[in-house]
Protein backbone atom coordinates (compact mmCIF):
# COMPACT_ATOMS: atom_id res chain seq x y z
CA MET A 1 81.20 54.36 -7.41
CA PHE A 2 83.23 56.24 -4.34
CA GLN A 3 84.25 54.48 -1.09
CA SER A 4 83.37 56.60 1.73
CA ASN A 5 84.04 57.45 5.59
CA GLU A 6 84.29 59.99 8.11
CA LEU A 7 87.81 60.58 9.01
CA GLN A 8 86.73 62.74 11.74
CA GLN A 9 83.05 64.21 12.83
CA GLY A 10 82.33 66.65 10.01
CA ILE A 11 85.12 65.24 7.76
CA HIS A 12 84.36 62.83 5.02
CA LEU A 13 86.56 61.09 2.75
CA HIS A 14 85.43 59.74 -0.56
CA ILE A 15 87.94 57.40 -2.57
CA ARG A 16 87.31 55.78 -5.96
CA PRO A 17 90.18 53.41 -6.94
CA THR A 18 90.49 53.01 -10.46
CA ASP A 19 92.81 52.22 -13.32
CA GLN A 20 91.06 54.87 -15.89
CA PHE A 21 93.53 57.43 -15.04
CA LYS A 22 97.38 57.90 -15.19
CA THR A 23 96.84 60.77 -12.95
CA VAL A 24 95.43 61.07 -9.47
CA ASN A 25 93.11 63.46 -8.91
CA PHE A 26 92.02 65.49 -5.39
CA ALA A 27 89.34 67.61 -4.43
CA ILE A 28 88.92 69.30 -1.18
CA LYS A 29 85.63 71.01 -0.39
CA PHE A 30 84.61 73.28 2.29
CA LYS A 31 81.06 74.42 2.81
CA GLN A 32 79.12 76.60 4.98
CA GLY A 33 76.03 78.87 4.92
CA LEU A 34 75.70 81.10 1.97
CA THR A 35 75.39 85.09 2.74
CA ASN A 36 76.83 88.02 0.89
CA GLN A 37 79.65 88.59 3.56
CA SER A 38 80.85 84.75 3.57
CA ALA A 39 80.74 84.70 -0.26
CA SER A 40 82.74 87.74 -0.37
CA GLU A 41 85.37 86.84 2.43
CA ARG A 42 85.61 83.23 0.83
CA SER A 43 86.31 84.36 -2.48
CA VAL A 44 88.79 86.67 -1.44
CA LEU A 45 90.38 83.95 0.73
CA ALA A 46 90.67 81.53 -2.00
CA ASN A 47 92.64 83.83 -4.05
CA VAL A 48 94.89 84.71 -0.94
CA LEU A 49 95.49 80.74 0.08
CA LEU A 50 96.46 80.01 -3.77
CA HIS A 51 98.71 82.92 -4.59
CA SER A 52 100.92 83.09 -1.08
CA ASN A 53 101.75 80.49 1.46
CA GLU A 54 104.70 80.20 3.84
CA LEU A 55 107.01 78.03 1.69
CA PHE A 56 106.34 79.66 -1.41
CA PRO A 57 105.38 83.18 -0.47
CA SER A 58 105.06 84.27 -4.32
CA ASN A 59 102.65 82.70 -7.24
CA PRO A 60 105.40 82.20 -9.65
CA ALA A 61 107.91 80.37 -7.10
CA PHE A 62 104.61 77.74 -6.32
CA GLN A 63 103.88 77.23 -10.06
CA SER A 64 107.56 76.60 -10.76
CA HIS A 65 107.67 73.74 -8.04
CA LEU A 66 104.40 72.22 -9.63
CA ASP A 67 106.22 72.10 -13.09
CA GLU A 68 109.13 70.25 -11.47
CA LEU A 69 106.29 67.51 -10.42
CA TYR A 70 105.65 66.66 -13.90
CA GLY A 71 103.36 69.40 -14.09
CA ALA A 72 101.20 69.00 -11.43
CA THR A 73 98.35 71.32 -11.30
CA MET A 74 96.56 72.90 -8.19
CA PHE A 75 94.16 75.97 -8.10
CA LEU A 76 91.43 76.86 -5.62
CA ASP A 77 87.86 77.78 -6.58
CA SER A 78 85.00 79.19 -4.88
CA SER A 79 81.25 78.63 -6.00
CA LYS A 80 77.63 78.16 -4.67
CA LYS A 81 75.27 75.32 -4.42
CA GLY A 82 71.81 75.66 -3.38
CA ASN A 83 72.02 77.37 0.41
CA ASP A 84 75.65 76.75 0.56
CA HIS A 85 79.18 78.55 -0.19
CA THR A 86 81.76 76.18 -1.27
CA ILE A 87 85.54 76.46 -1.62
CA THR A 88 87.15 73.62 -3.59
CA LEU A 89 90.86 73.03 -3.75
CA LEU A 90 91.44 70.68 -6.78
CA ALA A 91 94.78 69.06 -7.49
CA GLU A 92 96.07 66.39 -9.91
CA SER A 93 99.46 64.76 -9.91
CA VAL A 94 101.20 62.00 -12.16
CA ASN A 95 100.61 58.58 -10.75
CA ASP A 96 104.10 57.50 -9.57
CA GLN A 97 103.67 54.15 -10.60
CA TYR A 98 103.70 55.37 -14.06
CA LEU A 99 107.29 56.76 -14.02
CA ALA A 100 110.24 55.06 -14.85
CA ASN A 101 111.49 55.62 -10.98
CA GLY A 102 108.24 55.04 -9.37
CA THR A 103 109.05 55.96 -5.51
CA GLY A 104 105.93 57.95 -4.56
CA GLN A 105 107.71 60.67 -4.36
CA VAL A 106 105.48 63.21 -6.64
CA LEU A 107 102.33 62.07 -4.95
CA ASP A 108 103.40 62.61 -1.60
CA GLN A 109 105.04 65.92 -2.67
CA THR A 110 101.85 66.59 -4.14
CA LEU A 111 100.04 66.21 -0.75
CA LYS A 112 102.60 67.92 1.13
CA LEU A 113 101.70 71.43 -1.30
CA LEU A 114 98.06 70.68 -0.46
CA GLU A 115 98.73 70.33 3.23
CA THR A 116 100.75 73.69 2.73
CA LEU A 117 98.30 75.72 1.21
CA LEU A 118 95.56 74.65 3.87
CA PHE A 119 97.56 75.02 7.08
CA LYS A 120 100.66 77.22 6.10
CA PRO A 121 99.22 80.49 4.93
CA ASN A 122 101.81 83.21 4.64
CA LEU A 123 101.20 85.32 7.90
CA GLU A 124 102.53 88.56 9.30
CA GLN A 125 102.27 89.04 12.80
CA GLY A 126 99.69 86.28 13.11
CA THR A 127 97.52 87.51 10.27
CA PHE A 128 97.27 87.88 6.50
CA LYS A 129 99.65 90.25 4.83
CA GLU A 130 98.23 93.44 4.15
CA SER A 131 99.59 93.78 0.46
CA ILE A 132 98.29 90.39 -0.35
CA VAL A 133 94.88 90.86 1.18
CA LYS A 134 94.70 94.63 -0.78
CA ARG A 135 95.79 92.65 -3.98
CA GLU A 136 93.48 89.76 -3.95
CA LYS A 137 90.43 91.98 -2.95
CA SER A 138 90.95 94.10 -6.06
CA SER A 139 90.63 91.01 -8.11
CA VAL A 140 87.38 89.66 -6.80
CA THR A 141 86.22 93.09 -7.25
CA GLU A 142 87.09 93.34 -10.79
CA ARG A 143 85.62 89.64 -10.98
CA ILE A 144 82.38 91.34 -9.71
CA GLU A 145 82.30 94.41 -11.87
CA SER A 146 82.73 92.01 -14.80
CA LEU A 147 79.14 91.15 -14.46
CA TYR A 148 77.93 94.58 -16.00
CA ASP A 149 80.07 93.99 -19.24
CA ASP A 150 78.26 90.76 -19.64
CA LYS A 151 74.77 92.01 -20.44
CA THR A 152 73.32 88.42 -20.72
CA ARG A 153 74.64 87.56 -17.30
CA TYR A 154 73.79 90.80 -16.05
CA ALA A 155 69.92 90.43 -17.26
CA GLN A 156 70.16 86.92 -15.45
CA HIS A 157 71.52 88.38 -12.40
CA ARG A 158 68.57 91.22 -12.15
CA LEU A 159 65.83 88.49 -12.62
CA VAL A 160 67.08 86.43 -10.06
CA LYS A 161 67.30 89.44 -7.57
CA LEU A 162 64.01 90.54 -8.60
CA MET A 163 62.50 87.19 -8.03
CA ARG A 164 64.20 86.19 -5.08
CA PRO A 165 65.43 89.34 -2.88
CA ASN A 166 67.56 88.54 -0.02
CA HIS A 167 67.70 84.78 -0.79
CA PRO A 168 70.63 82.67 -1.54
CA ALA A 169 69.44 82.24 -5.39
CA SER A 170 70.34 85.78 -5.80
CA ILE A 171 73.54 85.73 -3.75
CA SER A 172 76.81 85.83 -6.06
CA ALA A 173 79.30 83.19 -5.52
CA ASN A 174 81.63 86.09 -5.41
CA GLY A 175 79.65 88.42 -3.02
CA THR A 176 79.32 91.97 -3.30
CA ILE A 177 81.50 94.76 -4.00
CA GLU A 178 80.48 96.51 -0.59
CA ASP A 179 81.36 93.16 1.45
CA VAL A 180 84.67 92.92 -0.04
CA SER A 181 85.38 96.27 0.26
CA ALA A 182 84.85 96.07 4.07
CA ILE A 183 87.28 93.01 4.33
CA THR A 184 90.31 93.45 6.75
CA ASN A 185 93.30 91.08 7.41
CA GLU A 186 91.89 90.34 10.65
CA SER A 187 88.56 89.70 9.38
CA LEU A 188 89.75 87.26 6.49
CA PHE A 189 91.85 85.34 8.99
CA VAL A 190 88.87 84.62 11.25
CA ALA A 191 86.99 83.48 7.73
CA TYR A 192 90.12 81.22 7.41
CA LYS A 193 89.91 79.80 10.82
CA LYS A 194 86.32 79.27 10.53
CA MET A 195 86.82 77.42 7.42
CA ILE A 196 89.23 75.19 8.70
CA GLU A 197 87.69 74.47 12.20
CA GLU A 198 83.97 74.46 11.49
CA ASP A 199 83.06 74.00 7.78
CA GLN A 200 81.99 70.98 6.46
CA VAL A 201 84.66 68.90 4.53
CA ASP A 202 84.67 66.58 1.80
CA ILE A 203 87.69 64.96 0.23
CA TYR A 204 87.61 63.25 -2.87
CA VAL A 205 90.38 61.47 -4.29
CA VAL A 206 90.30 59.45 -7.74
CA GLY A 207 93.25 57.03 -9.23
CA ASP A 208 94.77 53.79 -9.45
CA ILE A 209 95.66 53.92 -5.54
CA ASP A 210 95.50 51.82 -2.57
CA VAL A 211 92.39 52.90 -0.60
CA ASP A 212 93.96 52.18 3.04
CA GLU A 213 97.47 53.48 2.39
CA MET A 214 95.66 56.89 0.69
CA THR A 215 93.78 57.17 3.89
CA SER A 216 96.61 56.96 6.02
CA LYS A 217 98.21 59.25 3.83
CA LEU A 218 95.71 61.83 4.36
CA LYS A 219 94.87 61.37 7.99
CA GLN A 220 98.31 62.84 8.35
CA ALA A 221 98.21 65.61 5.94
CA PHE A 222 94.92 66.95 6.87
CA PRO A 223 94.94 67.26 10.66
CA PHE A 224 91.45 68.79 10.61
CA PRO A 225 89.85 68.99 14.17
CA SER A 226 86.42 67.41 14.30
CA ARG A 227 83.45 69.81 14.15
CA ASN A 228 79.62 69.47 14.67
CA ILE A 229 77.67 69.50 11.54
CA LYS A 230 73.94 69.99 11.47
CA PRO A 231 72.29 67.43 9.54
CA LYS A 232 70.25 68.92 6.74
CA ASN A 233 67.25 68.20 5.67
CA ILE A 234 67.36 68.21 1.82
CA HIS A 235 63.73 67.02 1.26
CA GLU A 236 62.17 70.05 2.80
CA ASN A 237 59.42 71.97 0.11
CA VAL A 238 60.26 74.75 -1.49
CA GLN A 239 58.70 77.94 -0.12
CA HIS A 240 58.16 80.37 -2.94
CA PRO A 241 57.32 83.82 -2.11
CA THR A 242 55.00 86.10 -4.07
CA VAL A 243 56.67 88.73 -6.72
CA GLU A 244 55.81 92.24 -6.49
CA LYS A 245 56.02 92.81 -10.34
CA ASP A 246 55.31 90.86 -12.97
CA PHE A 247 57.15 92.69 -15.54
CA VAL A 248 60.04 94.79 -15.34
CA ASN A 249 61.84 96.62 -18.42
CA GLU A 250 65.29 98.41 -17.65
CA TYR A 251 67.39 100.02 -19.84
CA GLN A 252 71.40 100.40 -20.88
CA ASP A 253 73.27 101.37 -23.72
CA MET A 254 73.17 98.36 -25.59
CA LYS A 255 71.58 96.97 -29.02
CA GLN A 256 70.36 93.48 -28.42
CA GLY A 257 67.49 93.12 -25.95
CA LYS A 258 67.94 90.54 -23.44
CA LEU A 259 64.63 88.68 -22.31
CA HIS A 260 64.95 86.58 -19.39
CA ILE A 261 61.58 85.05 -17.59
CA GLY A 262 61.31 83.25 -14.27
CA TYR A 263 58.99 80.63 -13.41
CA LYS A 264 58.58 78.48 -10.02
CA THR A 265 58.10 74.96 -9.58
CA PRO A 266 57.64 72.84 -6.60
CA VAL A 267 60.31 70.19 -8.20
CA THR A 268 63.88 70.56 -6.44
CA PHE A 269 66.78 68.08 -6.91
CA SER A 270 65.55 66.07 -3.90
CA HIS A 271 62.33 65.74 -4.92
CA PRO A 272 61.01 62.46 -6.50
CA ASP A 273 60.18 64.23 -9.97
CA PHE A 274 63.34 65.59 -10.32
CA PRO A 275 63.99 63.00 -13.42
CA LYS A 276 61.03 64.01 -15.28
CA MET A 277 61.60 67.86 -14.81
CA GLN A 278 64.80 67.35 -16.36
CA ILE A 279 63.17 65.95 -19.23
CA THR A 280 60.73 68.52 -19.31
CA ASN A 281 63.27 71.38 -19.38
CA GLY A 282 64.84 69.60 -22.09
CA ILE A 283 61.87 69.40 -24.33
CA PHE A 284 60.90 72.88 -23.33
CA GLY A 285 64.18 74.49 -24.14
CA GLY A 286 67.14 72.60 -22.80
CA TYR A 287 68.60 71.47 -26.19
CA PRO A 288 68.54 72.35 -29.99
CA HIS A 289 65.77 70.22 -30.31
CA ALA A 290 63.34 71.49 -27.96
CA LYS A 291 60.32 73.71 -28.43
CA LEU A 292 61.64 77.29 -27.82
CA PHE A 293 64.54 76.57 -30.64
CA ILE A 294 62.49 75.02 -33.06
CA ASN A 295 59.39 77.47 -32.82
CA VAL A 296 60.72 80.70 -31.59
CA ARG A 297 64.25 81.17 -33.34
CA GLU A 298 64.24 78.58 -36.11
CA LYS A 299 60.62 79.04 -37.59
CA GLU A 300 59.91 82.48 -36.39
CA SER A 301 63.21 84.22 -36.29
CA MET A 302 62.15 85.87 -33.12
CA ALA A 303 64.93 85.22 -31.22
CA TYR A 304 68.97 85.37 -31.87
CA TYR A 305 69.06 82.49 -29.08
CA VAL A 306 66.74 81.08 -26.85
CA SER A 307 66.94 78.71 -24.13
CA SER A 308 65.48 77.20 -20.85
CA SER A 309 67.36 76.02 -17.79
CA PHE A 310 66.17 74.23 -14.46
CA SER A 311 67.59 75.61 -11.19
CA SER A 312 67.03 72.24 -9.21
CA ALA A 313 68.35 73.87 -5.84
CA TYR A 314 65.75 76.52 -5.89
CA GLY A 315 62.80 74.93 -7.88
CA LEU A 316 63.14 77.89 -10.51
CA VAL A 317 62.81 77.47 -14.32
CA TYR A 318 64.41 80.36 -16.56
CA VAL A 319 64.27 81.21 -20.21
CA LEU A 320 66.74 83.39 -21.79
CA ALA A 321 66.24 85.00 -24.98
CA GLY A 322 68.33 87.68 -27.19
CA ILE A 323 65.65 89.66 -29.14
CA ASP A 324 65.04 93.13 -30.61
CA ALA A 325 63.08 95.10 -28.50
CA GLY A 326 60.16 95.81 -31.08
CA LYS A 327 59.63 92.10 -30.74
CA LEU A 328 58.95 91.75 -27.00
CA GLU A 329 55.40 91.32 -27.12
CA LYS A 330 55.44 88.41 -29.81
CA ALA A 331 58.58 86.82 -28.56
CA VAL A 332 57.02 86.55 -25.02
CA ARG A 333 53.60 84.95 -26.45
CA LEU A 334 55.26 82.51 -28.72
CA ILE A 335 57.42 81.28 -25.50
CA ASP A 336 53.95 80.92 -23.47
CA GLU A 337 52.76 78.77 -26.36
CA GLN A 338 55.78 76.55 -25.89
CA LEU A 339 54.60 76.00 -22.36
CA ASN A 340 51.17 75.82 -23.06
CA ALA A 341 51.44 73.27 -25.81
CA MET A 342 53.30 71.15 -23.39
CA GLN A 343 50.61 71.57 -20.79
CA GLU A 344 48.14 70.48 -23.31
CA GLY A 345 50.04 67.29 -23.84
CA GLN A 346 51.83 68.32 -27.28
CA ILE A 347 54.51 66.27 -26.80
CA THR A 348 56.20 63.80 -29.39
CA GLN A 349 57.97 60.28 -28.53
CA ASN A 350 60.57 61.53 -30.60
CA GLU A 351 61.09 64.65 -28.50
CA ILE A 352 61.27 62.53 -25.41
CA ASN A 353 63.83 60.02 -26.76
CA GLN A 354 65.97 62.58 -27.95
CA THR A 355 65.85 64.40 -24.67
CA VAL A 356 66.61 60.84 -22.52
CA SER A 357 69.46 60.61 -25.15
CA MET A 358 71.03 63.88 -24.53
CA LEU A 359 71.14 63.56 -20.81
CA LYS A 360 72.76 60.12 -20.82
CA ASN A 361 75.31 61.49 -23.17
CA GLN A 362 75.90 64.51 -21.19
CA LEU A 363 76.23 62.17 -17.97
CA LYS A 364 78.74 59.59 -19.55
CA GLU A 365 80.77 62.75 -21.10
CA ALA A 366 80.87 64.04 -17.38
CA LEU A 367 82.23 60.46 -15.94
CA ASP A 368 85.18 60.49 -18.63
CA SER A 369 87.05 62.56 -16.47
CA ALA A 370 87.88 62.07 -12.85
CA ARG A 371 86.85 65.81 -11.88
CA GLY A 372 83.42 64.96 -13.51
CA GLN A 373 83.41 62.22 -11.39
CA ILE A 374 83.84 63.95 -8.43
CA GLU A 375 81.14 66.94 -9.25
CA ILE A 376 78.67 64.09 -9.99
CA PHE A 377 79.14 62.34 -6.94
CA ASP A 378 79.14 65.41 -4.71
CA GLN A 379 76.26 66.51 -6.35
CA TYR A 380 74.06 63.27 -5.68
CA LYS A 381 75.59 61.60 -2.68
CA ASP A 382 73.32 63.10 -0.42
CA LEU A 383 69.93 61.59 -1.77
CA ASP A 384 68.74 58.27 -0.23
CA GLU A 385 70.02 56.00 -3.18
CA LYS A 386 73.46 55.25 -4.23
CA PHE A 387 74.18 57.03 -7.70
CA SER A 388 74.91 54.72 -10.77
CA VAL A 389 74.64 55.46 -14.36
CA GLU A 390 72.13 52.71 -14.79
CA THR A 391 69.97 53.94 -12.25
CA TRP A 392 69.59 57.25 -13.55
CA SER A 393 69.31 56.12 -17.48
CA GLU A 394 66.47 53.87 -15.95
CA LYS A 395 64.56 56.77 -14.51
CA TRP A 396 64.70 59.04 -17.57
CA THR A 397 63.59 56.20 -19.66
CA LYS A 398 60.59 55.14 -17.62
CA VAL A 399 59.46 58.80 -18.09
CA THR A 400 56.06 59.42 -20.21
CA LYS A 401 54.15 61.82 -22.06
CA GLU A 402 52.02 62.12 -19.19
CA ASP A 403 54.43 62.76 -16.48
CA ILE A 404 55.70 65.59 -18.54
CA GLN A 405 52.51 67.15 -19.31
CA ASP A 406 52.14 66.97 -15.30
CA MET A 407 55.60 68.77 -14.71
CA ALA A 408 54.88 71.54 -17.63
CA LYS A 409 51.65 72.23 -15.53
CA SER A 410 53.64 72.63 -12.33
CA ILE A 411 55.74 75.65 -14.16
CA ASN A 412 54.14 79.06 -13.32
CA LYS A 413 55.24 81.94 -14.72
CA GLN A 414 56.33 85.09 -12.11
CA LEU A 415 58.38 87.39 -13.82
CA VAL A 416 59.29 88.80 -17.13
CA TYR A 417 62.58 90.87 -17.08
CA PHE A 418 63.78 92.93 -20.08
CA LEU A 419 66.86 94.78 -20.51
CA SER A 420 67.08 96.87 -23.70
CA GLY A 421 68.59 99.98 -25.15
CA LYS A 422 67.45 103.26 -24.20
CA ASP A 423 66.60 104.26 -27.70
CA GLU A 424 65.03 100.60 -28.45
CA ALA A 425 61.07 100.63 -28.93
CA VAL A 426 59.55 98.25 -26.71
CA SER A 427 56.20 96.75 -28.15
């Protein structure tokens, strides 16, 4: 799918030459260990680098220049995956060969802008400008505070916090308000230098391009120093700590109750049973044909919404449901019954076929875009085998009813969290 090579120690380039798109897409991913401090610093850093640089001190000037390049796009994003925090610089440029005067200038200028964003920040006396840092700290703080206005997101945050305190699973990709507040111009510049000099870096390019020519241009545009990246053992067995309480009810001023249930499983992304667990989660609550949706929401009308998700990085399964507080006990019982049914082998071939079809369609849809191809490859590239649609489709197709039953038996409930209104009766 991608041709990969190492530009420098710790700097990997992945190129996919294809005529599928008339644009050229870039993604540069900087990865380091996830902590509250690093997530806070890097979220602010992504904003600072995007909104002001040496050549374009203001964001309007920067965006105006992008418009001149036939509407090129460029932005920075911060996220987390497993135990890593990632800053991703994304860019999309028209491919010059599709322009009437295809001279290579638009693509070259896009590369120049990427280089500017990364290596020529807007500095004052050798560090970031205080006014810019203050502004972007405020922006990230508002982003963190918005969690409290979204009751579903807040309830899920509390569930994971209670299940896995002081663990990457419960660390927000945006960090914490306290850690953002502690950031100074100097500390942020230290974080920037660490990112440029020490992070694991993966550079992705997708488009109708010459691999050797693009490799040469990227080496010149991104003079990253080599760095010593310790190899990660992605096949380590997941460790699940004991949860102090198995039920927590908290209250806020709200109407609809938020029921969130957390389960543990030994299966993670690198586990050989990962494809089986994908199908198991799909049948449990991942899709509209799933047991939770059909039996809890449709037949019993117990929930405004209900679904399950599989957090493969941490070996955790979550169920989310919106219910009336007075229906809590019955809702939990009905959810338990769906998992028990799967553990007893009450799984139809039609459920399996529908889930396999949904997984295949999701994968194909993701690969219809250049960005989707980058994200899929970035997710699967650390496995021992090369990723292909055919390989994973075959894995899903081979999953049996007995496999799914075994997977369901590996899912064990740890915590029921319920967020409800202060005046609601819980039963």
